Amino acid sequence: MDRKEKNMSENEFVNTQAALKSYAKVQYRANVEVASPHRLVAMLYEGAIERIIQAKGAMEHGDIELKGNKINSAVSIVGGLRESLNTDDGGELAFNLDNLYIYIQRLLSNAHIKNDRSKLDEAQTLLEDLKSAWKEIG
């Protein structure tokens, strides 16, 4: 393959990747617009878990910037879960969930600072357990 063909092939790959990302964003927005409040919370759990998995991959490949971006995104998503709590009517359950979300955010932050995969694993496990429990009450 000559240089021109190689550049064209790389450009086609980049264009395909950009198109796939665009499609994923549109598809995600469409799902959010029609989702029930219960489904939206499940999507938040899924999004946080996905970001943690991506952060682990970035950590394994030594991509510090990507790891930080994915962990920060997961922290933000967990923050969104905290904000969605009804602390007025939720009683002890809302209080306990708030504390658990704070703990998960702390795990994620420490995982980033210390480059500690085990903290990411723990945060992922907690979120998967919460997602599973949330699914059961749906």
C-alpha atoms as a PDB file:
ATOM      1  CA  MET A   1       0.000   0.000   0.000  1.00  0.00           C
ATOM      2  CA  ASP A   2       1.507   3.314  -1.002  1.00  0.00           C
ATOM      3  CA  ARG A   3       1.462   6.416   1.199  1.00  0.00           C
ATOM      4  CA  LYS A   4      -1.577   7.951  -0.526  1.00  0.00           C
ATOM      5  CA  GLU A   5      -3.638   4.770  -0.062  1.00  0.00           C
ATOM      6  CA  LYS A   6      -2.539   4.502   3.561  1.00  0.00           C
ATOM      7  CA  ASN A   7      -3.549   8.122   4.309  1.00  0.00           C
ATOM      8  CA  MET A   8      -6.888   7.577   2.587  1.00  0.00           C
ATOM      9  CA  SER A   9      -7.446   4.425   4.607  1.00  0.00           C
ATOM     10  CA  GLU A  10      -6.603   6.239   7.863  1.00  0.00           C
ATOM     11  CA  ASN A  11      -8.937   9.110   6.932  1.00  0.00           C
ATOM     12  CA  GLU A  12     -11.750   6.674   6.162  1.00  0.00           C
ATOM     13  CA  PHE A  13     -11.198   5.063   9.575  1.00  0.00           C
ATOM     14  CA  VAL A  14     -11.316   8.439  11.328  1.00  0.00           C
ATOM     15  CA  ASN A  15     -14.471   9.407   9.410  1.00  0.00           C
ATOM     16  CA  THR A  16     -16.105   6.088  10.286  1.00  0.00           C
ATOM     17  CA  GLN A  17     -15.214   6.530  13.959  1.00  0.00           C
ATOM     18  CA  ALA A  18     -16.657  10.059  13.961  1.00  0.00           C
ATOM     19  CA  ALA A  19     -19.853   8.820  12.304  1.00  0.00           C
ATOM     20  CA  LEU A  20     -20.223   6.024  14.864  1.00  0.00           C
ATOM     21  CA  LYS A  21     -19.758   8.461  17.750  1.00  0.00           C
ATOM     22  CA  SER A  22     -22.333  10.795  16.229  1.00  0.00           C
ATOM     23  CA  TYR A  23     -24.800   7.948  15.812  1.00  0.00           C
ATOM     24  CA  ALA A  24     -24.231   6.806  19.399  1.00  0.00           C
ATOM     25  CA  LYS A  25     -24.936  10.323  20.720  1.00  0.00           C
ATOM     26  CA  VAL A  26     -28.146  10.600  18.705  1.00  0.00           C
ATOM     27  CA  GLN A  27     -29.253   7.134  19.782  1.00  0.00           C
ATOM     28  CA  TYR A  28     -28.470   7.937  23.442  1.00  0.00           C
ATOM     29  CA  ARG A  29     -30.424  11.203  23.297  1.00  0.00           C
ATOM     30  CA  ALA A  30     -33.382   9.432  21.710  1.00  0.00           C
ATOM     31  CA  ASN A  31     -33.344   6.828  24.488  1.00  0.00           C
ATOM     32  CA  VAL A  32     -33.198   9.520  27.191  1.00  0.00           C
ATOM     33  CA  GLU A  33     -36.122  11.418  25.690  1.00  0.00           C
ATOM     34  CA  VAL A  34     -38.478   8.431  25.866  1.00  0.00           C
ATOM     35  CA  ALA A  35     -37.168   6.769  29.037  1.00  0.00           C
ATOM     36  CA  SER A  36     -39.188   6.595  32.222  1.00  0.00           C
ATOM     37  CA  PRO A  37     -37.665   8.079  35.380  1.00  0.00           C
ATOM     38  CA  HIS A  38     -36.909   4.527  36.514  1.00  0.00           C
ATOM     39  CA  ARG A  39     -35.103   3.763  33.257  1.00  0.00           C
ATOM     40  CA  LEU A  40     -33.147   7.040  33.486  1.00  0.00           C
ATOM     41  CA  VAL A  41     -31.699   5.997  36.861  1.00  0.00           C
ATOM     42  CA  ALA A  42     -30.780   2.607  35.382  1.00  0.00           C
ATOM     43  CA  MET A  43     -29.068   4.424  32.501  1.00  0.00           C
ATOM     44  CA  LEU A  44     -27.061   6.479  35.007  1.00  0.00           C
ATOM     45  CA  TYR A  45     -25.877   3.293  36.705  1.00  0.00           C
ATOM     46  CA  GLU A  46     -24.960   1.810  33.320  1.00  0.00           C
ATOM     47  CA  GLY A  47     -23.121   4.965  32.294  1.00  0.00           C
ATOM     48  CA  ALA A  48     -21.081   5.120  35.502  1.00  0.00           C
ATOM     49  CA  ILE A  49     -20.158   1.437  35.216  1.00  0.00           C
ATOM     50  CA  GLU A  50     -19.184   1.897  31.565  1.00  0.00           C
ATOM     51  CA  ARG A  51     -16.930   4.854  32.439  1.00  0.00           C
ATOM     52  CA  ILE A  52     -15.230   2.829  35.177  1.00  0.00           C
ATOM     53  CA  ILE A  53     -14.555  -0.019  32.755  1.00  0.00           C
ATOM     54  CA  GLN A  54     -13.135   2.481  30.257  1.00  0.00           C
ATOM     55  CA  ALA A  55     -10.980   4.031  33.010  1.00  0.00           C
ATOM     56  CA  LYS A  56      -9.575   0.585  33.824  1.00  0.00           C
ATOM     57  CA  GLY A  57      -8.669   0.079  30.157  1.00  0.00           C
ATOM     58  CA  ALA A  58      -7.007   3.482  30.029  1.00  0.00           C
ATOM     59  CA  MET A  59      -5.124   2.659  33.228  1.00  0.00           C
ATOM     60  CA  GLU A  60      -3.867  -0.606  31.718  1.00  0.00           C
ATOM     61  CA  HIS A  61      -2.655   1.246  28.619  1.00  0.00           C
ATOM     62  CA  GLY A  62      -1.025   4.041  30.603  1.00  0.00           C
ATOM     63  CA  ASP A  63      -3.338   6.695  29.175  1.00  0.00           C
ATOM     64  CA  ILE A  64      -3.490   9.021  32.186  1.00  0.00           C
ATOM     65  CA  GLU A  65      -5.563  11.697  30.470  1.00  0.00           C
ATOM     66  CA  LEU A  66      -8.263   9.281  29.307  1.00  0.00           C
ATOM     67  CA  LYS A  67      -8.299   7.567  32.707  1.00  0.00           C
ATOM     68  CA  GLY A  68      -8.844  10.920  34.395  1.00  0.00           C
ATOM     69  CA  ASN A  69     -11.590  11.912  31.966  1.00  0.00           C
ATOM     70  CA  LYS A  70     -13.469   8.644  32.438  1.00  0.00           C
ATOM     71  CA  ILE A  71     -13.146   8.702  36.228  1.00  0.00           C
ATOM     72  CA  ASN A  72     -14.284  12.334  36.342  1.00  0.00           C
ATOM     73  CA  SER A  73     -17.253  11.415  34.182  1.00  0.00           C
ATOM     74  CA  ALA A  74     -18.145   8.522  36.522  1.00  0.00           C
ATOM     75  CA  VAL A  75     -17.874  10.856  39.536  1.00  0.00           C
ATOM     76  CA  SER A  76     -20.236  13.301  37.798  1.00  0.00           C
ATOM     77  CA  ILE A  77     -22.738  10.563  37.015  1.00  0.00           C
ATOM     78  CA  VAL A  78     -22.730   9.389  40.639  1.00  0.00           C
ATOM     79  CA  GLY A  79     -23.248  13.052  41.565  1.00  0.00           C
ATOM     80  CA  GLY A  80     -26.318  13.024  39.322  1.00  0.00           C
ATOM     81  CA  LEU A  81     -27.585   9.964  41.166  1.00  0.00           C
ATOM     82  CA  ARG A  82     -27.091  11.807  44.464  1.00  0.00           C
ATOM     83  CA  GLU A  83     -29.004  14.816  43.154  1.00  0.00           C
ATOM     84  CA  SER A  84     -31.905  12.603  42.099  1.00  0.00           C
ATOM     85  CA  LEU A  85     -32.460  11.365  45.663  1.00  0.00           C
ATOM     86  CA  ASN A  86     -35.641  12.520  47.338  1.00  0.00           C
ATOM     87  CA  THR A  87     -34.217  13.279  50.764  1.00  0.00           C
ATOM     88  CA  ASP A  88     -37.497  14.802  51.971  1.00  0.00           C
ATOM     89  CA  ASP A  89     -39.582  11.654  51.462  1.00  0.00           C
ATOM     90  CA  GLY A  90     -36.847   9.020  51.167  1.00  0.00           C
ATOM     91  CA  GLY A  91     -36.077   8.773  54.864  1.00  0.00           C
ATOM     92  CA  GLU A  92     -33.311   6.469  55.996  1.00  0.00           C
ATOM     93  CA  LEU A  93     -32.990   4.790  52.597  1.00  0.00           C
ATOM     94  CA  ALA A  94     -32.233   8.104  50.860  1.00  0.00           C
ATOM     95  CA  PHE A  95     -29.780   9.009  53.629  1.00  0.00           C
ATOM     96  CA  ASN A  96     -27.981   5.654  53.282  1.00  0.00           C
ATOM     97  CA  LEU A  97     -27.870   5.888  49.483  1.00  0.00           C
ATOM     98  CA  ASP A  98     -26.463   9.405  49.715  1.00  0.00           C
ATOM     99  CA  ASN A  99     -23.683   8.155  51.986  1.00  0.00           C
ATOM    100  CA  LEU A 100     -23.000   5.240  49.640  1.00  0.00           C
ATOM    101  CA  TYR A 101     -22.795   7.576  46.647  1.00  0.00           C
ATOM    102  CA  ILE A 102     -20.363   9.799  48.562  1.00  0.00           C
ATOM    103  CA  TYR A 103     -18.271   6.714  49.345  1.00  0.00           C
ATOM    104  CA  ILE A 104     -18.280   5.653  45.671  1.00  0.00           C
ATOM    105  CA  GLN A 105     -17.217   9.151  44.601  1.00  0.00           C
ATOM    106  CA  ARG A 106     -14.380   9.019  47.134  1.00  0.00           C
ATOM    107  CA  LEU A 107     -13.312   5.587  45.847  1.00  0.00           C
ATOM    108  CA  LEU A 108     -13.217   6.912  42.298  1.00  0.00           C
ATOM    109  CA  SER A 109     -11.228   9.994  43.258  1.00  0.00           C
ATOM    110  CA  ASN A 110      -8.719   7.936  45.234  1.00  0.00           C
ATOM    111  CA  ALA A 111      -8.437   5.442  42.372  1.00  0.00           C
ATOM    112  CA  HIS A 112      -7.465   8.305  40.094  1.00  0.00           C
ATOM    113  CA  ILE A 113      -4.983   9.869  42.507  1.00  0.00           C
ATOM    114  CA  LYS A 114      -3.345   6.570  43.509  1.00  0.00           C
ATOM    115  CA  ASN A 115      -3.773   4.814  40.153  1.00  0.00           C
ATOM    116  CA  ASP A 116      -5.454   1.996  42.101  1.00  0.00           C
ATOM    117  CA  ARG A 117      -7.474  -0.466  40.037  1.00  0.00           C
ATOM    118  CA  SER A 118      -8.842  -2.197  43.150  1.00  0.00           C
ATOM    119  CA  LYS A 119     -10.714   0.988  44.084  1.00  0.00           C
ATOM    120  CA  LEU A 120     -12.231   1.083  40.601  1.00  0.00           C
ATOM    121  CA  ASP A 121     -13.207  -2.576  41.005  1.00  0.00           C
ATOM    122  CA  GLU A 122     -14.918  -1.838  44.323  1.00  0.00           C
ATOM    123  CA  ALA A 123     -16.793   1.157  42.916  1.00  0.00           C
ATOM    124  CA  GLN A 124     -17.899  -0.909  39.918  1.00  0.00           C
ATOM    125  CA  THR A 125     -19.114  -3.759  42.142  1.00  0.00           C
ATOM    126  CA  LEU A 126     -21.117  -1.378  44.327  1.00  0.00           C
ATOM    127  CA  LEU A 127     -22.717   0.265  41.300  1.00  0.00           C
ATOM    128  CA  GLU A 128     -23.513  -3.113  39.728  1.00  0.00           C
ATOM    129  CA  ASP A 129     -25.179  -4.206  42.980  1.00  0.00           C
ATOM    130  CA  LEU A 130     -27.205  -0.992  43.073  1.00  0.00           C
ATOM    131  CA  LYS A 131     -28.155  -1.387  39.413  1.00  0.00           C
ATOM    132  CA  SER A 132     -29.293  -4.948  40.045  1.00  0.00           C
ATOM    133  CA  ALA A 133     -31.377  -3.931  43.058  1.00  0.00           C
ATOM    134  CA  TRP A 134     -32.852  -1.022  41.083  1.00  0.00           C
ATOM    135  CA  LYS A 135     -33.797  -3.409  38.274  1.00  0.00           C
ATOM    136  CA  GLU A 136     -35.577  -5.683  40.756  1.00  0.00           C
ATOM    137  CA  ILE A 137     -37.845  -2.902  42.032  1.00  0.00           C
ATOM    138  CA  GLY A 138     -38.716  -1.884  38.473  1.00  0.00           C
END
